[in-house]
Amino acid sequence: MVSILSLLELESRQRNLLPTGEPLTAASAFALVRDMPYQRASTREPEAIIEEWRGTCSGKHYLLAGIFREFGMDTRVIMCTHRFTRENTGHFPQDLKSLVSREPVPDVHTYIRLKTDVGWMNVDATWPSVAAPLGMTVNRTFAPGHDMTIACDPVDSYVVPTGDDPQSFKEQLIAEFCGESSRIRDEFIEGMSRWLSDAT
C-alpha cells in the first residue's frame, strides 16, 4: 500500500511544487496542503484530496494528520464549534454577508494538534496563501511548538477520540450544533468556496 506521504510527494513534484532533490519535510508538507485551493473534494479521504488537489478544513486536516503520523509525530484531530457573524465576515462578498445578516451561521471547524520535539502546537492549514489579500488569515510559518492562528473564533473545542472516525464525529457535532441551520451552513460554505476560487 502506497503511503499518503509518498502520494503527496509524487503529486507535488508532478505539479512542480516541490523541486527535484528537495526532501519533503513536515514544514513543506504543511505548506503544500495549506496552499491547496479551498474547495470541497469528491470525498474527504486523503487520497482524493491529493489527487484532486483541493479541500476544505476537514479534508486538509485529515490529510495532514495522516502525513504527520507517517513522520512519526503524535497528532490529534480537533473539532470546534463557531459561528460566521457580521463581525467576522465584514470582508466577505455581499451574498455571504446577506446570509449572516439574518442570523449567525453555525459551523464546525477542523484543525489539528501536533506534538513536536519542543511541545504541542495548533496547526491550521485552512486558508491558502492566495486568500490573504481577501482578508483571510493565512498561517505562513511552520514553527515547531508555536501555535498557529485558528481559522475561526472557537466556541467549544473537542478532541476526536483515538480510533474514532473523525468525519462521523464531525457530522454528529454538526447535527447537534447546527441543527435546522445545517442547510444554511452548507449554502454558506459552498458560496465561500466559489468566492475564494473565483477571486484567487
Foldseek 3Di string as FASTA:
>chain_A
DDALLVLLVVLCVVVVNADPPHDDDLFNLLQQLLQQAADPFPDLDSNRCRVVRYYAQRSSAVNSCSVVVVVVKDKWKKKFKAWAACVNCVLPDPVLNVLRVVPTQIAIGIWMWIQDPQGIETRGSGHRPVCVVSPFDHFPDDDPPYYDDHRGDGDDMDTDDPPDDVVVVRVVVCCVTRPPSSVVNVVSSNVVSVVRVVVD
